[in-house]
Amino acid sequence: MSFYFYIAKCQNQSLYCGSTNNIDQRIIRHNSGQGARWFKQHGPGEIVYSENFDTLGEARKRETQIKKWSRIKKENLIKGLKP
């Protein structure tokens, strides 16, 4: 089974970082109001970046790391630039 760290861009242009084992289903849940409370206030949105991991722990560790980054650094990661 694969696990993912992802960044979603919401309708109001805010960025949301998360982790999941099913990235397609997760964005559907977010957009239907069943995901994170934060996403309900800022969504709907779309996945703009993701990374694949072998374990959920690794994906969550990456999520924790990137949540601490500035918006500019996250945007550079999304664009494929070295953060």
N, C-alpha and C. Protein backbone atom coordinates (compact mmCIF):
# COMPACT_ATOMS: atom_id res chain seq x y z
N MET A 1 0.84 -1.18 0.00
CA MET A 1 0.00 0.00 0.00
C MET A 1 0.88 1.24 0.00
N SER A 2 0.47 2.23 -0.76
CA SER A 2 1.20 3.50 -0.82
C SER A 2 0.51 4.54 0.05
N PHE A 3 1.31 5.47 0.52
CA PHE A 3 0.82 6.59 1.32
C PHE A 3 1.35 7.87 0.69
N TYR A 4 0.61 8.94 0.87
CA TYR A 4 0.95 10.18 0.19
C TYR A 4 0.96 11.37 1.13
N PHE A 5 1.90 12.25 0.89
CA PHE A 5 1.85 13.61 1.41
C PHE A 5 1.34 14.44 0.24
N TYR A 6 0.45 15.41 0.51
CA TYR A 6 -0.08 16.22 -0.59
C TYR A 6 -0.26 17.67 -0.15
N ILE A 7 -0.28 18.53 -1.15
CA ILE A 7 -0.63 19.93 -0.96
C ILE A 7 -1.83 20.20 -1.86
N ALA A 8 -2.87 20.77 -1.28
CA ALA A 8 -4.05 21.17 -2.04
C ALA A 8 -4.13 22.68 -2.05
N LYS A 9 -4.54 23.23 -3.17
CA LYS A 9 -4.77 24.67 -3.28
C LYS A 9 -6.27 24.88 -3.26
N CYS A 10 -6.72 25.70 -2.34
CA CYS A 10 -8.15 25.95 -2.17
C CYS A 10 -8.62 27.09 -3.06
N GLN A 11 -9.92 27.22 -3.14
CA GLN A 11 -10.54 28.25 -3.97
C GLN A 11 -10.03 29.64 -3.62
N ASN A 12 -9.76 29.88 -2.33
CA ASN A 12 -9.28 31.19 -1.92
C ASN A 12 -7.76 31.31 -2.03
N GLN A 13 -7.13 30.36 -2.73
CA GLN A 13 -5.68 30.32 -3.00
C GLN A 13 -4.84 29.92 -1.80
N SER A 14 -5.45 29.54 -0.69
CA SER A 14 -4.68 29.06 0.46
C SER A 14 -4.21 27.64 0.18
N LEU A 15 -3.15 27.24 0.87
CA LEU A 15 -2.57 25.91 0.68
C LEU A 15 -2.85 25.05 1.91
N TYR A 16 -3.20 23.79 1.67
CA TYR A 16 -3.49 22.84 2.73
C TYR A 16 -2.56 21.65 2.56
N CYS A 17 -1.88 21.24 3.61
CA CYS A 17 -0.99 20.08 3.59
C CYS A 17 -1.65 18.94 4.34
N GLY A 18 -1.55 17.74 3.77
CA GLY A 18 -2.14 16.58 4.42
C GLY A 18 -1.44 15.30 4.00
N SER A 19 -1.90 14.18 4.57
CA SER A 19 -1.39 12.87 4.21
C SER A 19 -2.54 11.88 4.18
N THR A 20 -2.41 10.86 3.34
CA THR A 20 -3.49 9.91 3.13
C THR A 20 -2.96 8.64 2.47
N ASN A 21 -3.81 7.62 2.42
CA ASN A 21 -3.47 6.42 1.67
C ASN A 21 -4.23 6.36 0.34
N ASN A 22 -5.15 7.29 0.12
CA ASN A 22 -5.91 7.33 -1.13
C ASN A 22 -6.12 8.79 -1.52
N ILE A 23 -5.24 9.29 -2.33
CA ILE A 23 -5.22 10.72 -2.64
C ILE A 23 -6.46 11.16 -3.42
N ASP A 24 -6.93 10.32 -4.33
CA ASP A 24 -8.12 10.68 -5.12
C ASP A 24 -9.36 10.78 -4.24
N GLN A 25 -9.53 9.81 -3.37
CA GLN A 25 -10.69 9.81 -2.47
C GLN A 25 -10.60 10.95 -1.45
N ARG A 26 -9.40 11.28 -1.05
CA ARG A 26 -9.22 12.32 -0.03
C ARG A 26 -9.70 13.69 -0.53
N ILE A 27 -9.36 14.05 -1.76
CA ILE A 27 -9.80 15.36 -2.25
C ILE A 27 -11.31 15.38 -2.46
N ILE A 28 -11.88 14.24 -2.82
CA ILE A 28 -13.35 14.16 -2.93
C ILE A 28 -13.97 14.40 -1.57
N ARG A 29 -13.42 13.79 -0.53
CA ARG A 29 -13.93 13.98 0.83
C ARG A 29 -13.78 15.44 1.27
N HIS A 30 -12.62 16.02 1.00
CA HIS A 30 -12.41 17.44 1.35
C HIS A 30 -13.47 18.31 0.69
N ASN A 31 -13.66 18.13 -0.60
CA ASN A 31 -14.57 18.99 -1.35
C ASN A 31 -16.04 18.75 -1.02
N SER A 32 -16.35 17.60 -0.44
CA SER A 32 -17.74 17.32 -0.05
C SER A 32 -18.02 17.72 1.39
N GLY A 33 -17.01 18.28 2.07
CA GLY A 33 -17.20 18.74 3.44
C GLY A 33 -16.95 17.67 4.49
N GLN A 34 -16.44 16.51 4.10
CA GLN A 34 -16.19 15.42 5.05
C GLN A 34 -14.74 15.37 5.51
N GLY A 35 -13.91 16.24 5.01
CA GLY A 35 -12.50 16.24 5.37
C GLY A 35 -12.24 17.12 6.58
N ALA A 36 -11.08 17.70 6.60
CA ALA A 36 -10.66 18.55 7.71
C ALA A 36 -11.54 19.79 7.84
N ARG A 37 -11.77 20.21 9.07
CA ARG A 37 -12.57 21.41 9.35
C ARG A 37 -11.98 22.64 8.66
N TRP A 38 -10.67 22.74 8.67
CA TRP A 38 -10.00 23.88 8.03
C TRP A 38 -10.36 23.94 6.56
N PHE A 39 -10.39 22.79 5.91
CA PHE A 39 -10.68 22.74 4.47
C PHE A 39 -12.10 23.22 4.17
N LYS A 40 -13.03 22.95 5.08
CA LYS A 40 -14.41 23.40 4.89
C LYS A 40 -14.49 24.92 4.79
N GLN A 41 -13.64 25.61 5.53
CA GLN A 41 -13.66 27.07 5.57
C GLN A 41 -12.96 27.69 4.36
N HIS A 42 -12.06 26.95 3.72
CA HIS A 42 -11.24 27.52 2.65
C HIS A 42 -11.46 26.87 1.29
N GLY A 43 -12.08 25.73 1.23
CA GLY A 43 -12.24 24.95 0.01
C GLY A 43 -13.35 25.49 -0.86
N PRO A 44 -13.70 24.80 -1.92
CA PRO A 44 -13.11 23.55 -2.40
C PRO A 44 -11.72 23.77 -2.98
N GLY A 45 -11.08 22.67 -3.34
CA GLY A 45 -9.72 22.79 -3.84
C GLY A 45 -9.32 21.63 -4.72
N GLU A 46 -8.05 21.64 -5.08
CA GLU A 46 -7.49 20.57 -5.91
C GLU A 46 -6.08 20.25 -5.44
N ILE A 47 -5.67 19.01 -5.67
CA ILE A 47 -4.32 18.59 -5.32
C ILE A 47 -3.37 19.21 -6.34
N VAL A 48 -2.36 19.92 -5.85
CA VAL A 48 -1.39 20.56 -6.75
C VAL A 48 0.00 19.96 -6.61
N TYR A 49 0.20 19.10 -5.59
CA TYR A 49 1.50 18.48 -5.38
C TYR A 49 1.32 17.24 -4.51
N SER A 50 2.09 16.20 -4.79
CA SER A 50 2.07 15.02 -3.92
C SER A 50 3.40 14.28 -3.98
N GLU A 51 3.68 13.54 -2.92
CA GLU A 51 4.84 12.67 -2.84
C GLU A 51 4.37 11.32 -2.32
N ASN A 52 4.98 10.24 -2.79
CA ASN A 52 4.61 8.89 -2.43
C ASN A 52 5.57 8.33 -1.37
N PHE A 53 5.03 7.62 -0.37
CA PHE A 53 5.83 7.03 0.70
C PHE A 53 5.39 5.59 0.97
N ASP A 54 6.27 4.81 1.57
CA ASP A 54 5.96 3.42 1.90
C ASP A 54 5.10 3.29 3.16
N THR A 55 5.21 4.26 4.07
CA THR A 55 4.45 4.18 5.32
C THR A 55 3.72 5.50 5.58
N LEU A 56 2.63 5.40 6.34
CA LEU A 56 1.90 6.61 6.72
C LEU A 56 2.76 7.49 7.62
N GLY A 57 3.59 6.87 8.45
CA GLY A 57 4.48 7.63 9.33
C GLY A 57 5.43 8.52 8.55
N GLU A 58 5.97 8.01 7.45
CA GLU A 58 6.87 8.81 6.61
C GLU A 58 6.11 9.97 5.96
N ALA A 59 4.90 9.70 5.49
CA ALA A 59 4.10 10.76 4.86
C ALA A 59 3.75 11.84 5.88
N ARG A 60 3.39 11.44 7.08
CA ARG A 60 3.05 12.42 8.12
C ARG A 60 4.27 13.21 8.58
N LYS A 61 5.42 12.56 8.60
CA LYS A 61 6.65 13.27 8.96
C LYS A 61 6.93 14.37 7.93
N ARG A 62 6.75 14.06 6.65
CA ARG A 62 6.95 15.06 5.59
C ARG A 62 5.90 16.17 5.71
N GLU A 63 4.66 15.80 6.01
CA GLU A 63 3.60 16.79 6.22
C GLU A 63 3.98 17.76 7.33
N THR A 64 4.43 17.23 8.44
CA THR A 64 4.83 18.07 9.58
C THR A 64 5.97 19.01 9.19
N GLN A 65 6.93 18.49 8.44
CA GLN A 65 8.06 19.30 8.00
C GLN A 65 7.61 20.46 7.12
N ILE A 66 6.79 20.16 6.13
CA ILE A 66 6.41 21.18 5.15
C ILE A 66 5.40 22.18 5.72
N LYS A 67 4.59 21.77 6.67
CA LYS A 67 3.66 22.71 7.30
C LYS A 67 4.39 23.87 7.96
N LYS A 68 5.62 23.67 8.35
CA LYS A 68 6.42 24.72 9.00
C LYS A 68 7.04 25.68 7.99
N TRP A 69 7.01 25.34 6.72
CA TRP A 69 7.62 26.16 5.68
C TRP A 69 6.79 27.40 5.39
N SER A 70 7.45 28.40 4.83
CA SER A 70 6.74 29.60 4.38
C SER A 70 5.94 29.27 3.12
N ARG A 71 5.00 30.13 2.81
CA ARG A 71 4.19 29.94 1.60
C ARG A 71 5.07 29.94 0.35
N ILE A 72 6.04 30.83 0.31
CA ILE A 72 6.93 30.92 -0.86
C ILE A 72 7.69 29.61 -1.05
N LYS A 73 8.17 29.04 0.02
CA LYS A 73 8.90 27.79 -0.06
C LYS A 73 7.99 26.66 -0.54
N LYS A 74 6.74 26.63 -0.07
CA LYS A 74 5.77 25.63 -0.54
C LYS A 74 5.46 25.83 -2.01
N GLU A 75 5.29 27.05 -2.44
CA GLU A 75 5.00 27.33 -3.85
C GLU A 75 6.17 26.91 -4.75
N ASN A 76 7.39 27.12 -4.29
CA ASN A 76 8.55 26.68 -5.06
C ASN A 76 8.58 25.15 -5.18
N LEU A 77 8.22 24.45 -4.12
CA LEU A 77 8.13 22.99 -4.17
C LEU A 77 7.09 22.56 -5.20
N ILE A 78 5.94 23.20 -5.19
CA ILE A 78 4.87 22.89 -6.15
C ILE A 78 5.35 23.12 -7.58
N LYS A 79 6.12 24.19 -7.80
CA LYS A 79 6.62 24.52 -9.14
C LYS A 79 7.79 23.64 -9.56
N GLY A 80 8.29 22.82 -8.64
CA GLY A 80 9.42 21.95 -8.97
C GLY A 80 10.76 22.60 -8.77
N LEU A 81 10.76 23.76 -8.12
CA LEU A 81 12.01 24.46 -7.82
C LEU A 81 12.56 23.96 -6.52
N LYS A 82 13.86 24.02 -6.37
CA LYS A 82 14.49 23.58 -5.13
C LYS A 82 14.11 24.56 -4.01
N PRO A 83 13.43 24.06 -2.97
CA PRO A 83 13.00 24.97 -1.88
C PRO A 83 14.19 25.52 -1.10
